[in-house]
Amino acid sequence: MSPATAVASFVLIWWITLFAVLPWGVRSQHEGEDKLAPGTDPGAPITLRFGRKLAWTTVIAALIFAGFYGSYVGHLLSLDYLVNLLGVHYVE
């Protein structure tokens, strides 16, 4: 795998993981005991904790990428195996 492909794959995995991690631990103003901030929606989060979410996203994406990279380098997943798994028939 070329370095450019590895970086592109990691970035793609990172973005998908970010959207999975964003809702973790979110409490809305409506659920909290605090008063609503004037001019905001009751469903707006109390605190975002974006730095923590970015850190979790990076850790999880690195683990997922390491698994895929290890499978690629170790030849655990081949194109023929994936084609057979999906039931696609192609002519060479």
N, C-alpha and C. Protein backbone atom coordinates (compact mmCIF):
# COMPACT_ATOMS: atom_id res chain seq x y z
N MET A 1 0.85 -1.17 0.00
CA MET A 1 0.00 0.00 0.00
C MET A 1 0.91 1.23 0.00
N SER A 2 0.64 2.12 -0.91
CA SER A 2 1.45 3.34 -0.98
C SER A 2 1.11 4.27 0.19
N PRO A 3 2.02 5.15 0.54
CA PRO A 3 1.73 6.09 1.64
C PRO A 3 0.51 6.96 1.37
N ALA A 4 0.33 7.38 0.13
CA ALA A 4 -0.84 8.20 -0.19
C ALA A 4 -2.14 7.42 0.01
N THR A 5 -2.15 6.16 -0.36
CA THR A 5 -3.34 5.32 -0.16
C THR A 5 -3.58 5.09 1.32
N ALA A 6 -2.52 4.89 2.09
CA ALA A 6 -2.66 4.68 3.53
C ALA A 6 -3.23 5.93 4.20
N VAL A 7 -2.72 7.10 3.84
CA VAL A 7 -3.22 8.35 4.43
C VAL A 7 -4.67 8.58 4.03
N ALA A 8 -5.00 8.37 2.77
CA ALA A 8 -6.38 8.55 2.31
C ALA A 8 -7.32 7.58 3.02
N SER A 9 -6.89 6.35 3.21
CA SER A 9 -7.71 5.36 3.90
C SER A 9 -7.92 5.75 5.35
N PHE A 10 -6.86 6.22 6.02
CA PHE A 10 -6.99 6.62 7.41
C PHE A 10 -7.93 7.82 7.55
N VAL A 11 -7.80 8.79 6.67
CA VAL A 11 -8.67 9.97 6.73
C VAL A 11 -10.13 9.57 6.53
N LEU A 12 -10.39 8.68 5.61
CA LEU A 12 -11.75 8.22 5.38
C LEU A 12 -12.30 7.49 6.61
N ILE A 13 -11.51 6.60 7.18
CA ILE A 13 -11.92 5.89 8.39
C ILE A 13 -12.13 6.88 9.53
N TRP A 14 -11.26 7.88 9.64
CA TRP A 14 -11.36 8.87 10.72
C TRP A 14 -12.66 9.65 10.63
N TRP A 15 -13.03 10.10 9.42
CA TRP A 15 -14.27 10.87 9.27
C TRP A 15 -15.50 10.02 9.57
N ILE A 16 -15.52 8.79 9.13
CA ILE A 16 -16.66 7.92 9.42
C ILE A 16 -16.75 7.67 10.93
N THR A 17 -15.60 7.47 11.57
CA THR A 17 -15.58 7.26 13.01
C THR A 17 -16.02 8.51 13.76
N LEU A 18 -15.65 9.68 13.27
CA LEU A 18 -16.07 10.94 13.91
C LEU A 18 -17.59 11.03 13.99
N PHE A 19 -18.27 10.70 12.91
CA PHE A 19 -19.73 10.79 12.92
C PHE A 19 -20.35 9.74 13.82
N ALA A 20 -19.64 8.64 14.08
CA ALA A 20 -20.14 7.64 15.02
C ALA A 20 -19.90 8.08 16.47
N VAL A 21 -18.82 8.83 16.72
CA VAL A 21 -18.45 9.23 18.08
C VAL A 21 -19.17 10.51 18.52
N LEU A 22 -19.54 11.37 17.61
CA LEU A 22 -20.15 12.66 17.97
C LEU A 22 -21.32 12.56 18.95
N PRO A 23 -22.24 11.63 18.82
CA PRO A 23 -23.37 11.62 19.76
C PRO A 23 -23.05 11.05 21.15
N TRP A 24 -21.87 10.54 21.38
CA TRP A 24 -21.55 9.93 22.68
C TRP A 24 -21.61 10.97 23.79
N GLY A 25 -22.37 10.69 24.83
CA GLY A 25 -22.40 11.51 26.02
C GLY A 25 -23.04 12.87 25.87
N VAL A 26 -23.81 13.08 24.84
CA VAL A 26 -24.44 14.38 24.62
C VAL A 26 -25.70 14.47 25.49
N ARG A 27 -25.77 15.53 26.28
CA ARG A 27 -26.97 15.83 27.05
C ARG A 27 -27.49 17.17 26.59
N SER A 28 -28.78 17.23 26.31
CA SER A 28 -29.36 18.48 25.85
C SER A 28 -29.66 19.39 27.04
N GLN A 29 -29.90 20.66 26.76
CA GLN A 29 -30.25 21.61 27.81
C GLN A 29 -31.57 21.22 28.47
N HIS A 30 -32.42 20.62 27.70
CA HIS A 30 -33.72 20.19 28.22
C HIS A 30 -33.55 19.08 29.27
N GLU A 31 -32.56 18.19 29.07
CA GLU A 31 -32.31 17.09 30.00
C GLU A 31 -31.55 17.54 31.24
N GLY A 32 -30.80 18.63 31.11
CA GLY A 32 -29.97 19.10 32.22
C GLY A 32 -30.78 19.83 33.27
N GLU A 33 -30.15 20.00 34.44
CA GLU A 33 -30.81 20.71 35.53
C GLU A 33 -30.67 22.22 35.39
N ASP A 34 -29.74 22.66 34.57
CA ASP A 34 -29.50 24.09 34.41
C ASP A 34 -30.63 24.74 33.63
N LYS A 35 -30.72 26.04 33.78
CA LYS A 35 -31.70 26.79 33.01
C LYS A 35 -31.27 26.83 31.55
N LEU A 36 -32.22 27.02 30.68
CA LEU A 36 -31.91 27.14 29.26
C LEU A 36 -31.18 28.44 29.01
N ALA A 37 -30.16 28.40 28.17
CA ALA A 37 -29.46 29.62 27.77
C ALA A 37 -30.39 30.42 26.87
N PRO A 38 -30.51 31.71 27.11
CA PRO A 38 -31.43 32.52 26.30
C PRO A 38 -31.07 32.48 24.81
N GLY A 39 -32.09 32.30 24.00
CA GLY A 39 -31.92 32.33 22.56
C GLY A 39 -31.42 31.04 21.95
N THR A 40 -31.38 29.96 22.72
CA THR A 40 -30.91 28.68 22.18
C THR A 40 -32.04 27.67 22.17
N ASP A 41 -31.85 26.65 21.38
CA ASP A 41 -32.82 25.57 21.27
C ASP A 41 -32.71 24.67 22.50
N PRO A 42 -33.84 24.18 23.02
CA PRO A 42 -33.76 23.28 24.18
C PRO A 42 -32.99 21.99 23.89
N GLY A 43 -32.90 21.60 22.63
CA GLY A 43 -32.17 20.39 22.26
C GLY A 43 -30.68 20.60 22.07
N ALA A 44 -30.20 21.84 22.23
CA ALA A 44 -28.77 22.12 22.07
C ALA A 44 -27.99 21.47 23.20
N PRO A 45 -26.80 20.96 22.90
CA PRO A 45 -26.02 20.30 23.95
C PRO A 45 -25.57 21.27 25.03
N ILE A 46 -25.43 20.74 26.26
CA ILE A 46 -24.96 21.56 27.37
C ILE A 46 -23.48 21.87 27.18
N THR A 47 -22.67 20.84 27.01
CA THR A 47 -21.24 20.99 26.72
C THR A 47 -20.89 20.08 25.56
N LEU A 48 -20.00 20.56 24.72
CA LEU A 48 -19.67 19.79 23.52
C LEU A 48 -18.54 18.80 23.77
N ARG A 49 -17.52 19.18 24.52
CA ARG A 49 -16.34 18.34 24.77
C ARG A 49 -15.74 17.83 23.46
N PHE A 50 -15.53 18.75 22.54
CA PHE A 50 -15.09 18.39 21.21
C PHE A 50 -13.67 17.81 21.20
N GLY A 51 -12.79 18.33 22.03
CA GLY A 51 -11.42 17.82 22.08
C GLY A 51 -11.38 16.36 22.50
N ARG A 52 -12.20 16.01 23.47
CA ARG A 52 -12.27 14.61 23.93
C ARG A 52 -12.81 13.72 22.81
N LYS A 53 -13.79 14.21 22.07
CA LYS A 53 -14.35 13.42 20.97
C LYS A 53 -13.34 13.24 19.84
N LEU A 54 -12.55 14.27 19.58
CA LEU A 54 -11.50 14.15 18.55
C LEU A 54 -10.45 13.13 18.98
N ALA A 55 -10.10 13.12 20.25
CA ALA A 55 -9.12 12.16 20.75
C ALA A 55 -9.66 10.74 20.63
N TRP A 56 -10.90 10.51 21.05
CA TRP A 56 -11.50 9.18 20.93
C TRP A 56 -11.60 8.76 19.46
N THR A 57 -11.96 9.69 18.60
CA THR A 57 -12.07 9.39 17.18
C THR A 57 -10.72 8.93 16.63
N THR A 58 -9.65 9.62 16.99
CA THR A 58 -8.33 9.27 16.50
C THR A 58 -7.89 7.90 16.99
N VAL A 59 -8.14 7.61 18.26
CA VAL A 59 -7.75 6.31 18.82
C VAL A 59 -8.51 5.18 18.14
N ILE A 60 -9.82 5.33 18.02
CA ILE A 60 -10.64 4.27 17.43
C ILE A 60 -10.31 4.10 15.94
N ALA A 61 -10.15 5.22 15.22
CA ALA A 61 -9.80 5.14 13.80
C ALA A 61 -8.44 4.48 13.61
N ALA A 62 -7.49 4.75 14.49
CA ALA A 62 -6.17 4.12 14.38
C ALA A 62 -6.27 2.61 14.59
N LEU A 63 -7.10 2.18 15.53
CA LEU A 63 -7.28 0.74 15.75
C LEU A 63 -7.94 0.06 14.54
N ILE A 64 -8.96 0.70 13.99
CA ILE A 64 -9.63 0.15 12.81
C ILE A 64 -8.66 0.10 11.63
N PHE A 65 -7.91 1.19 11.42
CA PHE A 65 -6.95 1.23 10.32
C PHE A 65 -5.87 0.17 10.51
N ALA A 66 -5.40 -0.01 11.74
CA ALA A 66 -4.38 -1.03 12.00
C ALA A 66 -4.90 -2.42 11.66
N GLY A 67 -6.17 -2.69 11.96
CA GLY A 67 -6.75 -3.97 11.60
C GLY A 67 -6.82 -4.18 10.10
N PHE A 68 -7.28 -3.16 9.39
CA PHE A 68 -7.35 -3.27 7.93
C PHE A 68 -5.97 -3.34 7.30
N TYR A 69 -5.04 -2.55 7.82
CA TYR A 69 -3.69 -2.56 7.28
C TYR A 69 -3.01 -3.91 7.53
N GLY A 70 -3.20 -4.45 8.72
CA GLY A 70 -2.65 -5.77 9.03
C GLY A 70 -3.24 -6.85 8.14
N SER A 71 -4.53 -6.75 7.86
CA SER A 71 -5.17 -7.72 6.96
C SER A 71 -4.62 -7.59 5.54
N TYR A 72 -4.35 -6.35 5.14
CA TYR A 72 -3.83 -6.12 3.79
C TYR A 72 -2.39 -6.63 3.67
N VAL A 73 -1.55 -6.28 4.61
CA VAL A 73 -0.14 -6.67 4.57
C VAL A 73 0.01 -8.19 4.74
N GLY A 74 -0.81 -8.78 5.59
CA GLY A 74 -0.73 -10.21 5.83
C GLY A 74 -1.47 -11.05 4.81
N HIS A 75 -2.02 -10.40 3.80
CA HIS A 75 -2.76 -11.07 2.73
C HIS A 75 -3.92 -11.92 3.27
N LEU A 76 -4.56 -11.42 4.33
CA LEU A 76 -5.71 -12.13 4.89
C LEU A 76 -6.97 -11.87 4.07
N LEU A 77 -7.01 -10.72 3.40
CA LEU A 77 -8.13 -10.39 2.53
C LEU A 77 -7.60 -10.21 1.11
N SER A 78 -8.05 -11.06 0.21
CA SER A 78 -7.65 -10.91 -1.18
C SER A 78 -8.87 -10.51 -2.00
N LEU A 79 -8.62 -10.02 -3.19
CA LEU A 79 -9.71 -9.63 -4.06
C LEU A 79 -10.57 -10.83 -4.43
N ASP A 80 -9.95 -11.96 -4.69
CA ASP A 80 -10.72 -13.17 -5.02
C ASP A 80 -11.62 -13.60 -3.87
N TYR A 81 -11.11 -13.50 -2.64
CA TYR A 81 -11.92 -13.87 -1.48
C TYR A 81 -13.13 -12.94 -1.35
N LEU A 82 -12.92 -11.64 -1.51
CA LEU A 82 -14.02 -10.69 -1.40
C LEU A 82 -15.05 -10.87 -2.50
N VAL A 83 -14.58 -11.17 -3.71
CA VAL A 83 -15.49 -11.40 -4.83
C VAL A 83 -16.34 -12.64 -4.57
N ASN A 84 -15.72 -13.71 -4.09
CA ASN A 84 -16.46 -14.93 -3.77
C ASN A 84 -17.42 -14.70 -2.61
N LEU A 85 -17.01 -13.92 -1.64
CA LEU A 85 -17.84 -13.61 -0.49
C LEU A 85 -19.11 -12.86 -0.90
N LEU A 86 -18.96 -11.94 -1.83
CA LEU A 86 -20.10 -11.16 -2.31
C LEU A 86 -20.91 -11.89 -3.38
N GLY A 87 -20.39 -12.97 -3.90
CA GLY A 87 -21.10 -13.74 -4.92
C GLY A 87 -21.06 -13.12 -6.29
N VAL A 88 -20.06 -12.28 -6.54
CA VAL A 88 -19.93 -11.61 -7.83
C VAL A 88 -19.09 -12.51 -8.74
N HIS A 89 -19.54 -12.67 -9.95
CA HIS A 89 -18.79 -13.47 -10.93
C HIS A 89 -18.25 -12.54 -12.00
N TYR A 90 -16.97 -12.66 -12.25
CA TYR A 90 -16.37 -11.80 -13.26
C TYR A 90 -15.51 -12.66 -14.18
N VAL A 91 -15.28 -12.13 -15.36
CA VAL A 91 -14.47 -12.84 -16.36
C VAL A 91 -13.15 -12.11 -16.47
N GLU A 92 -12.08 -12.87 -16.40
CA GLU A 92 -10.75 -12.26 -16.51
C GLU A 92 -10.36 -12.10 -17.96
